[in-house]
Amino acid sequence: MAYLRLRSVSVDLPMYQGSSRSLKKSLLATSSRGNFASDALQRLTVRALNDVTVDIEEGARLGVIGPNGAGKSTLLRVLSSIHRPSHGRILKSGRVTSLLDVSVGMDPEATGLENIILRGMYLGFHPKEMRQRIPEIAEFSELGDYLQLPVRTYSSGMMIRLAFAVSTSFEPEILVMDEWLTVGDARFLAKAQKRLEQYVRGSRILVLATHSMPLVEEWCNRAILLDQGHVVASGDVKEVVEAYRARW
């Protein structure tokens, strides 16, 4: 059974490297909300998540909402093991696949075919398994002979198409998304949106951070509202969305 369970998780992110700069001293002296501090190396840090406890069980479609700077992206990066908690712990069961930046794991000097293998390895799949997926990925991407060329020769739209085709070529267990993934090519968009919907439906758990309340209401069965790194509301989607609209 897939699950994600956070227990009193806090994340402190370094914001400034200098130990004696006036900016750091000023921020530490004037911050009234208590989000700024300094770590053991005397770096300025900001508490991006503060004492977050949440259970995400199999079947959950969790919407993460809140204003800019609330901690949404930090939460997703913690769930994806990009950031480690400064305090607290995370319990996981199941493979976590993140669609935070589909271009991560791509080498601009490698060919499109080579990058299918590299991106797959970044996502946790064996090269042998990715080689077996190449025909399907190549067909979906519609890149043809361009797959023989280094991806540095690709347009941004071609790069996104390749990365998207690789990232959505398997059924995820736990899917973590920052906003609803889109592709720039208008002709390719309809096919990509259909595939993304199938991909989301096939996941055992979905965690979606977004500013779109209609998207949360359509795809999610639970929601949490973050503000200043704290969970300030959690539960029914309609109630949490109403709490968000009441605050902002």
Protein backbone atom coordinates (compact mmCIF):
# COMPACT_ATOMS: atom_id res chain seq x y z
CA MET A 1 0.00 0.00 0.00
CA ALA A 2 1.31 3.42 -0.98
CA TYR A 3 1.46 6.25 1.54
CA LEU A 4 3.30 9.43 2.53
CA ARG A 5 3.29 10.46 6.20
CA LEU A 6 4.95 13.60 7.49
CA ARG A 7 5.58 14.01 11.20
CA SER A 8 6.39 17.52 12.49
CA VAL A 9 8.43 18.31 9.38
CA SER A 10 10.24 21.63 9.20
CA VAL A 11 12.60 22.78 6.45
CA ASP A 12 15.14 25.59 6.86
CA LEU A 13 16.59 26.88 3.59
CA PRO A 14 19.78 28.98 3.48
CA MET A 15 19.12 32.37 1.94
CA TYR A 16 22.39 34.26 2.26
CA GLN A 17 25.98 33.09 2.44
CA GLY A 18 27.67 36.02 4.18
CA SER A 19 28.18 35.83 7.96
CA SER A 20 28.58 39.53 8.68
CA ARG A 21 26.69 41.37 5.93
CA SER A 22 24.33 44.11 6.99
CA LEU A 23 21.42 42.56 5.05
CA LYS A 24 21.53 39.47 7.22
CA LYS A 25 21.76 41.49 10.44
CA SER A 26 18.90 43.71 9.35
CA LEU A 27 16.61 40.81 8.49
CA LEU A 28 17.34 39.01 11.73
CA ALA A 29 16.71 42.16 13.72
CA THR A 30 13.49 43.26 12.01
CA SER A 31 11.68 40.04 11.12
CA SER A 32 8.48 39.96 13.16
CA ARG A 33 7.07 36.69 11.85
CA GLY A 34 9.92 34.55 13.05
CA ASN A 35 10.65 32.91 9.67
CA PHE A 36 14.27 34.08 9.53
CA ALA A 37 17.10 32.64 11.62
CA SER A 38 20.73 31.64 11.29
CA ASP A 39 22.15 28.13 11.19
CA ALA A 40 25.30 26.60 12.70
CA LEU A 41 27.35 28.04 9.82
CA GLN A 42 25.95 31.53 10.48
CA ARG A 43 24.03 31.55 7.20
CA LEU A 44 20.72 33.35 6.99
CA THR A 45 17.94 30.76 6.71
CA VAL A 46 14.22 30.92 6.17
CA ARG A 47 11.83 28.33 7.57
CA ALA A 48 9.96 27.30 4.44
CA LEU A 49 7.96 24.58 6.22
CA ASN A 50 7.07 24.74 9.89
CA ASP A 51 5.96 21.68 11.91
CA VAL A 52 3.94 20.07 9.13
CA THR A 53 2.14 16.82 9.99
CA VAL A 54 -0.02 15.21 7.32
CA ASP A 55 -1.04 11.67 6.28
CA ILE A 56 -1.46 10.95 2.56
CA GLU A 57 -2.84 7.45 2.11
CA GLU A 58 -3.46 5.34 -0.98
CA GLY A 59 -6.29 6.75 -3.07
CA ALA A 60 -5.65 10.32 -1.94
CA ARG A 61 -5.79 13.11 -4.48
CA LEU A 62 -4.33 15.91 -2.37
CA GLY A 63 -4.46 19.52 -3.49
CA VAL A 64 -1.86 21.82 -1.92
CA ILE A 65 -2.90 25.47 -2.09
CA GLY A 66 -1.75 28.77 -0.65
CA PRO A 67 -0.31 32.14 -1.69
CA ASN A 68 3.14 32.62 -3.19
CA GLY A 69 5.80 31.83 -0.61
CA ALA A 70 3.48 29.63 1.44
CA GLY A 71 5.75 26.57 1.18
CA LYS A 72 3.93 24.58 -1.53
CA SER A 73 6.96 23.90 -3.72
CA THR A 74 9.12 23.14 -0.69
CA LEU A 75 6.59 20.54 0.45
CA LEU A 76 6.67 18.88 -2.96
CA ARG A 77 10.46 18.84 -2.95
CA VAL A 78 10.47 17.22 0.48
CA LEU A 79 8.05 14.54 -0.73
CA SER A 80 10.30 14.01 -3.78
CA SER A 81 13.47 13.73 -1.61
CA ILE A 82 14.98 16.83 -3.21
CA HIS A 83 15.01 18.60 0.18
CA ARG A 84 15.60 16.85 3.47
CA PRO A 85 13.67 17.92 6.55
CA SER A 86 15.64 20.03 9.01
CA HIS A 87 13.40 18.60 11.72
CA GLY A 88 10.83 15.81 11.84
CA ARG A 89 10.59 12.75 9.63
CA ILE A 90 8.86 11.33 6.56
CA LEU A 91 7.53 7.79 6.20
CA LYS A 92 7.04 6.52 2.64
CA SER A 93 5.80 3.42 0.87
CA GLY A 94 5.81 3.38 -2.93
CA ARG A 95 7.83 4.93 -5.73
CA VAL A 96 7.56 8.72 -5.85
CA THR A 97 7.58 10.27 -9.33
CA SER A 98 7.79 14.05 -9.49
CA LEU A 99 6.81 16.26 -12.40
CA LEU A 100 8.38 19.38 -10.93
CA ASP A 101 10.78 20.03 -13.80
CA VAL A 102 10.51 17.58 -16.67
CA SER A 103 13.89 18.67 -18.10
CA VAL A 104 15.84 17.56 -14.99
CA GLY A 105 18.07 14.59 -15.78
CA MET A 106 18.59 15.63 -19.41
CA ASP A 107 22.07 16.15 -20.89
CA PRO A 108 22.15 18.79 -23.67
CA GLU A 109 25.20 17.17 -25.28
CA ALA A 110 23.60 13.71 -25.47
CA THR A 111 21.23 12.64 -28.23
CA GLY A 112 17.50 12.38 -27.73
CA LEU A 113 17.79 8.58 -27.60
CA GLU A 114 20.52 8.77 -24.97
CA ASN A 115 18.45 11.22 -22.97
CA ILE A 116 15.55 8.79 -22.87
CA ILE A 117 17.85 6.45 -20.95
CA LEU A 118 19.27 9.24 -18.76
CA ARG A 119 15.88 10.72 -17.84
CA GLY A 120 14.58 7.22 -17.08
CA MET A 121 17.55 6.53 -14.79
CA TYR A 122 16.89 9.84 -13.01
CA LEU A 123 13.33 8.65 -12.43
CA GLY A 124 14.61 5.39 -10.98
CA PHE A 125 14.30 2.98 -13.91
CA HIS A 126 16.96 0.56 -15.17
CA PRO A 127 18.54 1.38 -18.57
CA LYS A 128 17.37 -1.99 -19.93
CA GLU A 129 13.76 -1.11 -19.11
CA MET A 130 14.11 2.31 -20.70
CA ARG A 131 15.54 0.80 -23.91
CA GLN A 132 12.40 -1.29 -24.17
CA ARG A 133 10.31 1.87 -23.91
CA ILE A 134 12.17 3.77 -26.64
CA PRO A 135 9.82 2.87 -29.56
CA GLU A 136 6.71 4.02 -27.69
CA ILE A 137 8.41 7.19 -26.42
CA ALA A 138 9.74 8.01 -29.89
CA GLU A 139 6.31 7.54 -31.45
CA PHE A 140 4.56 9.72 -28.88
CA SER A 141 7.16 12.52 -29.03
CA GLU A 142 6.90 12.71 -32.85
CA LEU A 143 10.56 13.77 -32.99
CA GLY A 144 11.60 11.21 -35.61
CA ASP A 145 15.20 11.58 -36.81
CA TYR A 146 15.80 14.42 -34.34
CA LEU A 147 16.23 11.73 -31.68
CA GLN A 148 19.61 11.01 -33.28
CA LEU A 149 20.78 14.59 -32.61
CA PRO A 150 22.04 16.26 -29.40
CA VAL A 151 19.17 17.88 -27.54
CA ARG A 152 21.08 21.20 -27.47
CA THR A 153 19.93 21.48 -31.11
CA TYR A 154 16.27 21.19 -30.10
CA SER A 155 13.83 24.04 -29.71
CA SER A 156 12.35 24.47 -26.23
CA GLY A 157 9.12 22.90 -27.46
CA MET A 158 10.94 19.82 -28.77
CA MET A 159 12.80 19.46 -25.47
CA ILE A 160 9.55 19.58 -23.51
CA ARG A 161 7.93 17.04 -25.82
CA LEU A 162 10.77 14.58 -25.31
CA ALA A 163 10.91 15.06 -21.55
CA PHE A 164 7.13 14.79 -21.27
CA ALA A 165 7.03 11.60 -23.35
CA VAL A 166 9.67 9.98 -21.15
CA SER A 167 8.17 11.13 -17.85
CA THR A 168 4.69 9.84 -18.69
CA SER A 169 5.71 6.54 -20.29
CA PHE A 170 4.97 4.43 -17.21
CA GLU A 171 2.25 4.14 -14.56
CA PRO A 172 3.24 6.06 -11.42
CA GLU A 173 2.63 4.94 -7.86
CA ILE A 174 2.91 8.32 -6.12
CA LEU A 175 2.73 11.34 -8.41
CA VAL A 176 3.89 14.77 -7.21
CA MET A 177 3.12 17.73 -9.49
CA ASP A 178 3.76 21.47 -9.24
CA GLU A 179 0.93 22.99 -11.28
CA TRP A 180 -0.70 21.17 -14.20
CA LEU A 181 1.99 20.25 -16.71
CA THR A 182 1.55 21.76 -20.17
CA VAL A 183 3.48 21.71 -23.40
CA GLY A 184 4.05 24.72 -25.62
CA ASP A 185 3.26 23.12 -28.98
CA ALA A 186 -0.43 23.83 -29.67
CA ARG A 187 -0.78 20.88 -32.08
CA PHE A 188 0.78 18.52 -29.57
CA LEU A 189 -1.18 19.90 -26.60
CA ALA A 190 -4.43 17.94 -27.00
CA LYS A 191 -2.63 14.61 -27.18
CA ALA A 192 -0.42 15.54 -24.23
CA GLN A 193 -3.37 16.62 -22.08
CA LYS A 194 -5.17 13.34 -22.74
CA ARG A 195 -2.06 11.37 -21.81
CA LEU A 196 -1.52 13.43 -18.67
CA GLU A 197 -5.08 12.80 -17.51
CA GLN A 198 -4.57 9.04 -17.96
CA TYR A 199 -1.26 9.30 -16.13
CA VAL A 200 -2.84 11.09 -13.18
CA ARG A 201 -5.75 8.64 -12.99
CA GLY A 202 -3.32 5.71 -12.98
CA SER A 203 -1.46 6.94 -9.90
CA ARG A 204 -2.17 5.51 -6.45
CA ILE A 205 -1.56 8.90 -4.84
CA LEU A 206 -1.59 12.37 -6.39
CA VAL A 207 -0.16 15.46 -4.69
CA LEU A 208 -0.86 18.57 -6.77
CA ALA A 209 0.25 22.08 -5.82
CA THR A 210 -1.58 24.76 -7.77
CA HIS A 211 -3.02 28.26 -7.73
CA SER A 212 -6.04 27.06 -9.72
CA MET A 213 -9.00 26.39 -7.44
CA PRO A 214 -11.09 24.84 -10.28
CA LEU A 215 -8.25 22.38 -10.89
CA VAL A 216 -8.21 21.36 -7.22
CA GLU A 217 -11.99 20.98 -7.22
CA GLU A 218 -11.90 18.83 -10.36
CA TRP A 219 -9.02 16.49 -9.54
CA CYS A 220 -8.63 16.34 -5.76
CA ASN A 221 -10.56 14.65 -2.95
CA ARG A 222 -8.61 16.35 -0.14
CA ALA A 223 -6.76 19.63 0.25
CA ILE A 224 -4.43 21.45 2.58
CA LEU A 225 -3.89 25.19 2.83
CA LEU A 226 -0.39 26.46 3.57
CA ASP A 227 0.57 29.90 4.83
CA GLN A 228 4.05 30.93 6.00
CA GLY A 229 5.05 27.25 6.00
CA HIS A 230 2.19 26.20 8.33
CA VAL A 231 -0.81 24.03 7.54
CA VAL A 232 -3.69 26.35 8.41
CA ALA A 233 -6.54 24.23 7.00
CA SER A 234 -6.89 20.58 6.00
CA GLY A 235 -9.67 18.26 4.90
CA ASP A 236 -12.60 18.56 2.51
CA VAL A 237 -11.69 20.30 -0.76
CA LYS A 238 -14.65 22.68 -0.71
CA GLU A 239 -14.00 23.78 2.87
CA VAL A 240 -10.27 24.32 2.32
CA VAL A 241 -10.86 26.26 -0.91
CA GLU A 242 -13.38 28.45 0.96
CA ALA A 243 -10.78 29.04 3.70
CA TYR A 244 -8.29 30.10 1.01
CA ARG A 245 -10.74 32.52 -0.60
CA ALA A 246 -11.66 33.98 2.80
CA ARG A 247 -8.00 34.78 3.49
CA TRP A 248 -7.05 36.06 0.04
